[in-house]
Amino acid sequence: MTAGFFILFFVAVFCALVFPVFVIGRRRGQRNPWAAFIPLLGIWIVLFESIGRSGWFSLLVFIPTLGPLAVLMWTAVELPAHHARSRWWTLALIVPLVNLIGYWFYAFTLPREDASLAAT
């Protein structure tokens, strides 16, 4: 296998994992949903802004061991509650491997936010 194949594979997997978060940001009317494509922190920046928190909370990911787990739990619990969705979504967003599919379903079933509400 060539190095080009591995790079292409890595980029495809990265885009497949990040795209649902980009869609969540767009549907919630965020100014910069493209930030989801920033490696390491982008996903968390968009998710925190989507639940009404500062994107700076994404820096918690850098706390060894507990940081990523705490951020994953926090966003999985707060995301459905903040968007007036069922708490059952928390289960789909938190279980490993299920969450890879869960974020896709969550993003594409999330209603678009009214533009007049997004400005406030």
C-alpha atoms as a PDB file:
ATOM      1  CA  MET A   1       0.000   0.000   0.000  1.00  0.00           C
ATOM      2  CA  THR A   2       1.179   3.484  -0.743  1.00  0.00           C
ATOM      3  CA  ALA A   3       1.396   6.425   1.587  1.00  0.00           C
ATOM      4  CA  GLY A   4      -1.096   8.285  -0.609  1.00  0.00           C
ATOM      5  CA  PHE A   5      -3.733   5.639   0.083  1.00  0.00           C
ATOM      6  CA  PHE A   6      -3.294   5.977   3.842  1.00  0.00           C
ATOM      7  CA  ILE A   7      -3.528   9.759   3.681  1.00  0.00           C
ATOM      8  CA  LEU A   8      -6.672   9.565   1.559  1.00  0.00           C
ATOM      9  CA  PHE A   9      -8.166   6.980   3.941  1.00  0.00           C
ATOM     10  CA  PHE A  10      -7.347   9.160   6.972  1.00  0.00           C
ATOM     11  CA  VAL A  11      -8.925  12.246   5.385  1.00  0.00           C
ATOM     12  CA  ALA A  12     -12.061  10.284   4.442  1.00  0.00           C
ATOM     13  CA  VAL A  13     -12.473   8.898   7.981  1.00  0.00           C
ATOM     14  CA  PHE A  14     -11.834  12.342   9.511  1.00  0.00           C
ATOM     15  CA  CYS A  15     -14.498  13.944   7.299  1.00  0.00           C
ATOM     16  CA  ALA A  16     -16.981  11.139   8.049  1.00  0.00           C
ATOM     17  CA  LEU A  17     -16.543  11.694  11.794  1.00  0.00           C
ATOM     18  CA  VAL A  18     -16.620  15.507  11.685  1.00  0.00           C
ATOM     19  CA  PHE A  19     -19.370  16.170   9.146  1.00  0.00           C
ATOM     20  CA  PRO A  20     -22.316  15.435  11.500  1.00  0.00           C
ATOM     21  CA  VAL A  21     -20.990  18.008  13.982  1.00  0.00           C
ATOM     22  CA  PHE A  22     -20.676  20.533  11.149  1.00  0.00           C
ATOM     23  CA  VAL A  23     -24.330  19.853  10.267  1.00  0.00           C
ATOM     24  CA  ILE A  24     -25.385  20.327  13.913  1.00  0.00           C
ATOM     25  CA  GLY A  25     -23.596  23.689  13.927  1.00  0.00           C
ATOM     26  CA  ARG A  26     -25.278  24.787  10.690  1.00  0.00           C
ATOM     27  CA  ARG A  27     -28.719  23.702  11.797  1.00  0.00           C
ATOM     28  CA  ARG A  28     -28.314  25.534  15.106  1.00  0.00           C
ATOM     29  CA  GLY A  29     -27.409  28.731  13.259  1.00  0.00           C
ATOM     30  CA  GLN A  30     -23.823  29.073  14.494  1.00  0.00           C
ATOM     31  CA  ARG A  31     -21.655  31.674  12.811  1.00  0.00           C
ATOM     32  CA  ASN A  32     -18.679  29.343  12.311  1.00  0.00           C
ATOM     33  CA  PRO A  33     -19.766  25.709  12.006  1.00  0.00           C
ATOM     34  CA  TRP A  34     -16.705  25.091   9.828  1.00  0.00           C
ATOM     35  CA  ALA A  35     -14.675  25.124  13.062  1.00  0.00           C
ATOM     36  CA  ALA A  36     -15.684  21.462  13.406  1.00  0.00           C
ATOM     37  CA  PHE A  37     -12.964  20.658  10.856  1.00  0.00           C
ATOM     38  CA  ILE A  38     -10.179  21.925  13.153  1.00  0.00           C
ATOM     39  CA  PRO A  39      -8.244  18.809  14.239  1.00  0.00           C
ATOM     40  CA  LEU A  40      -8.586  17.693  17.891  1.00  0.00           C
ATOM     41  CA  LEU A  41     -10.675  20.584  19.220  1.00  0.00           C
ATOM     42  CA  GLY A  42     -13.039  21.519  16.421  1.00  0.00           C
ATOM     43  CA  ILE A  43     -15.730  18.982  17.207  1.00  0.00           C
ATOM     44  CA  TRP A  44     -15.859  20.041  20.836  1.00  0.00           C
ATOM     45  CA  ILE A  45     -15.852  23.764  20.009  1.00  0.00           C
ATOM     46  CA  VAL A  46     -18.944  23.394  17.830  1.00  0.00           C
ATOM     47  CA  LEU A  47     -20.728  21.073  20.273  1.00  0.00           C
ATOM     48  CA  PHE A  48     -20.095  23.376  23.241  1.00  0.00           C
ATOM     49  CA  GLU A  49     -21.313  26.399  21.288  1.00  0.00           C
ATOM     50  CA  SER A  50     -24.338  24.376  20.234  1.00  0.00           C
ATOM     51  CA  ILE A  51     -25.318  23.851  23.876  1.00  0.00           C
ATOM     52  CA  GLY A  52     -24.801  27.505  24.720  1.00  0.00           C
ATOM     53  CA  ARG A  53     -21.369  27.209  26.336  1.00  0.00           C
ATOM     54  CA  SER A  54     -18.103  28.832  25.318  1.00  0.00           C
ATOM     55  CA  GLY A  55     -15.925  26.988  22.835  1.00  0.00           C
ATOM     56  CA  TRP A  56     -13.057  27.450  25.283  1.00  0.00           C
ATOM     57  CA  PHE A  57     -14.457  24.554  27.304  1.00  0.00           C
ATOM     58  CA  SER A  58     -13.057  22.303  24.577  1.00  0.00           C
ATOM     59  CA  LEU A  59      -9.611  22.782  26.129  1.00  0.00           C
ATOM     60  CA  LEU A  60     -10.728  20.383  28.858  1.00  0.00           C
ATOM     61  CA  VAL A  61      -9.904  17.619  26.374  1.00  0.00           C
ATOM     62  CA  PHE A  62      -6.217  18.136  27.149  1.00  0.00           C
ATOM     63  CA  ILE A  63      -6.588  17.029  30.791  1.00  0.00           C
ATOM     64  CA  PRO A  64      -5.073  13.532  30.747  1.00  0.00           C
ATOM     65  CA  THR A  65      -7.515  10.602  30.860  1.00  0.00           C
ATOM     66  CA  LEU A  66     -10.453  12.383  32.513  1.00  0.00           C
ATOM     67  CA  GLY A  67     -10.684  15.360  30.154  1.00  0.00           C
ATOM     68  CA  PRO A  68     -11.918  13.593  27.013  1.00  0.00           C
ATOM     69  CA  LEU A  69     -14.257  11.394  29.031  1.00  0.00           C
ATOM     70  CA  ALA A  70     -15.733  14.370  30.904  1.00  0.00           C
ATOM     71  CA  VAL A  71     -16.236  16.358  27.689  1.00  0.00           C
ATOM     72  CA  LEU A  72     -17.866  13.381  25.963  1.00  0.00           C
ATOM     73  CA  MET A  73     -20.256  12.823  28.882  1.00  0.00           C
ATOM     74  CA  TRP A  74     -21.032  16.540  29.259  1.00  0.00           C
ATOM     75  CA  THR A  75     -21.908  17.110  25.617  1.00  0.00           C
ATOM     76  CA  ALA A  76     -23.823  13.818  25.280  1.00  0.00           C
ATOM     77  CA  VAL A  77     -26.032  14.713  28.248  1.00  0.00           C
ATOM     78  CA  GLU A  78     -26.493  18.417  27.474  1.00  0.00           C
ATOM     79  CA  LEU A  79     -26.933  18.251  23.695  1.00  0.00           C
ATOM     80  CA  PRO A  80     -30.368  16.575  23.609  1.00  0.00           C
ATOM     81  CA  ALA A  81     -31.603  18.564  26.608  1.00  0.00           C
ATOM     82  CA  HIS A  82     -30.581  21.888  25.076  1.00  0.00           C
ATOM     83  CA  HIS A  83     -32.204  21.082  21.731  1.00  0.00           C
ATOM     84  CA  ALA A  84     -35.489  19.902  23.322  1.00  0.00           C
ATOM     85  CA  ARG A  85     -34.950  16.298  22.285  1.00  0.00           C
ATOM     86  CA  SER A  86     -35.536  13.077  24.168  1.00  0.00           C
ATOM     87  CA  ARG A  87     -32.981  12.048  26.797  1.00  0.00           C
ATOM     88  CA  TRP A  88     -32.732   8.708  24.974  1.00  0.00           C
ATOM     89  CA  TRP A  89     -30.433  10.486  22.526  1.00  0.00           C
ATOM     90  CA  THR A  90     -27.847  10.616  25.334  1.00  0.00           C
ATOM     91  CA  LEU A  91     -27.537   6.841  25.140  1.00  0.00           C
ATOM     92  CA  ALA A  92     -26.972   6.945  21.379  1.00  0.00           C
ATOM     93  CA  LEU A  93     -24.362   9.695  21.731  1.00  0.00           C
ATOM     94  CA  ILE A  94     -22.388   8.136  24.570  1.00  0.00           C
ATOM     95  CA  VAL A  95     -22.072   4.393  23.817  1.00  0.00           C
ATOM     96  CA  PRO A  96     -18.804   3.696  21.954  1.00  0.00           C
ATOM     97  CA  LEU A  97     -19.217   2.790  18.275  1.00  0.00           C
ATOM     98  CA  VAL A  98     -22.968   3.457  18.513  1.00  0.00           C
ATOM     99  CA  ASN A  99     -22.160   7.159  18.849  1.00  0.00           C
ATOM    100  CA  LEU A 100     -20.467   7.146  15.439  1.00  0.00           C
ATOM    101  CA  ILE A 101     -23.859   6.400  13.892  1.00  0.00           C
ATOM    102  CA  GLY A 102     -25.808   8.258  16.586  1.00  0.00           C
ATOM    103  CA  TYR A 103     -24.300  11.641  15.710  1.00  0.00           C
ATOM    104  CA  TRP A 104     -25.211  11.125  12.038  1.00  0.00           C
ATOM    105  CA  PHE A 105     -28.861  10.423  12.906  1.00  0.00           C
ATOM    106  CA  TYR A 106     -28.939  13.207  15.473  1.00  0.00           C
ATOM    107  CA  ALA A 107     -27.526  15.776  13.030  1.00  0.00           C
ATOM    108  CA  PHE A 108     -29.814  14.952  10.141  1.00  0.00           C
ATOM    109  CA  THR A 109     -32.997  14.699  12.223  1.00  0.00           C
ATOM    110  CA  LEU A 110     -32.318  17.957  14.071  1.00  0.00           C
ATOM    111  CA  PRO A 111     -34.696  20.685  12.881  1.00  0.00           C
ATOM    112  CA  ARG A 112     -33.194  23.850  11.496  1.00  0.00           C
ATOM    113  CA  GLU A 113     -33.198  26.771  13.882  1.00  0.00           C
ATOM    114  CA  ASP A 114     -35.175  29.830  12.856  1.00  0.00           C
ATOM    115  CA  ALA A 115     -32.799  32.568  11.624  1.00  0.00           C
ATOM    116  CA  SER A 116     -34.486  35.142  13.856  1.00  0.00           C
ATOM    117  CA  LEU A 117     -33.767  33.011  16.930  1.00  0.00           C
ATOM    118  CA  ALA A 118     -30.149  32.350  15.929  1.00  0.00           C
ATOM    119  CA  ALA A 119     -29.307  36.055  16.073  1.00  0.00           C
ATOM    120  CA  THR A 120     -30.225  36.308  19.761  1.00  0.00           C
END
